[in-house]
Amino acid sequence: VAKDLGLQLPALRDRGVHILDKGRTQYFALHGKTGHLVTAERIDREQLCENVQQCVLRCELIVEGKM
């Protein structure tokens, strides 16, 4: 994420980068030392997308301040 946004790692913390998932469970997080998007919770496809052939999890990345 840091590389895709063209930011250095300290800038991720300084700009207040947040990941928003739909629903109650936060499935994704930013790794503080690498800036990578990682899974924060075990993702159980059978539970999330029981009768759906294509399973998609969406999240939003919010960056405060100007880019």
Protein backbone atom coordinates (compact mmCIF):
# COMPACT_ATOMS: atom_id res chain seq x y z
CA VAL A 1 0.00 0.00 0.00
CA ALA A 2 2.81 2.41 0.88
CA LYS A 3 4.54 1.71 -2.44
CA ASP A 4 1.28 2.02 -4.43
CA LEU A 5 0.54 5.40 -2.82
CA GLY A 6 4.13 6.59 -3.23
CA LEU A 7 4.52 7.14 0.52
CA GLN A 8 7.29 6.25 2.92
CA LEU A 9 6.32 4.11 5.92
CA PRO A 10 6.34 6.98 8.47
CA ALA A 11 3.93 8.90 6.22
CA LEU A 12 1.36 6.09 6.54
CA ARG A 13 1.23 6.64 10.29
CA ASP A 14 1.42 10.43 10.05
CA ARG A 15 -1.45 10.64 7.55
CA GLY A 16 -3.75 8.43 9.61
CA VAL A 17 -4.29 5.70 7.03
CA HIS A 18 -7.31 3.53 7.90
CA ILE A 19 -8.81 0.43 6.33
CA LEU A 20 -12.58 0.11 6.44
CA ASP A 21 -14.29 -3.23 5.94
CA LYS A 22 -18.01 -3.68 5.47
CA GLY A 23 -19.54 -5.55 8.36
CA ARG A 24 -18.46 -6.16 11.91
CA THR A 25 -15.25 -8.09 11.35
CA GLN A 26 -12.06 -6.30 10.34
CA TYR A 27 -10.49 -8.74 7.86
CA PHE A 28 -7.64 -6.52 6.65
CA ALA A 29 -4.95 -4.39 8.27
CA LEU A 30 -1.81 -2.48 7.33
CA HIS A 31 1.42 -4.04 8.53
CA GLY A 32 3.18 -1.21 10.37
CA LYS A 33 6.75 -2.21 9.50
CA THR A 34 6.25 -3.08 5.81
CA GLY A 35 3.22 -1.07 4.71
CA HIS A 36 1.69 -4.23 3.22
CA LEU A 37 -2.01 -5.02 3.25
CA VAL A 38 -2.41 -8.18 5.34
CA THR A 39 -5.24 -10.32 6.64
CA ALA A 40 -6.09 -9.37 10.22
CA GLU A 41 -8.58 -12.17 10.80
CA ARG A 42 -9.06 -15.70 9.51
CA ILE A 43 -11.26 -15.59 6.38
CA ASP A 44 -13.70 -18.49 6.11
CA ARG A 45 -15.10 -18.52 2.57
CA GLU A 46 -17.80 -21.09 3.36
CA GLN A 47 -19.14 -18.93 6.17
CA LEU A 48 -18.96 -15.60 4.30
CA CYS A 49 -20.17 -16.68 0.87
CA GLU A 50 -22.21 -19.77 1.63
CA ASN A 51 -24.28 -20.00 -1.57
CA VAL A 52 -22.31 -17.64 -3.81
CA GLN A 53 -19.98 -18.92 -6.51
CA GLN A 54 -17.81 -15.79 -6.66
CA CYS A 55 -16.76 -14.55 -3.22
CA VAL A 56 -15.50 -10.95 -2.97
CA LEU A 57 -14.45 -9.02 0.13
CA ARG A 58 -14.30 -5.26 -0.32
CA CYS A 59 -12.54 -2.74 1.83
CA GLU A 60 -11.73 0.95 1.58
CA LEU A 61 -8.45 2.66 2.30
CA ILE A 62 -8.83 6.12 3.82
CA VAL A 63 -5.84 8.50 3.75
CA GLU A 64 -6.19 11.75 5.67
CA GLY A 65 -4.66 14.91 4.27
CA LYS A 66 -3.81 15.93 0.73
CA MET A 67 -2.10 13.58 -1.67
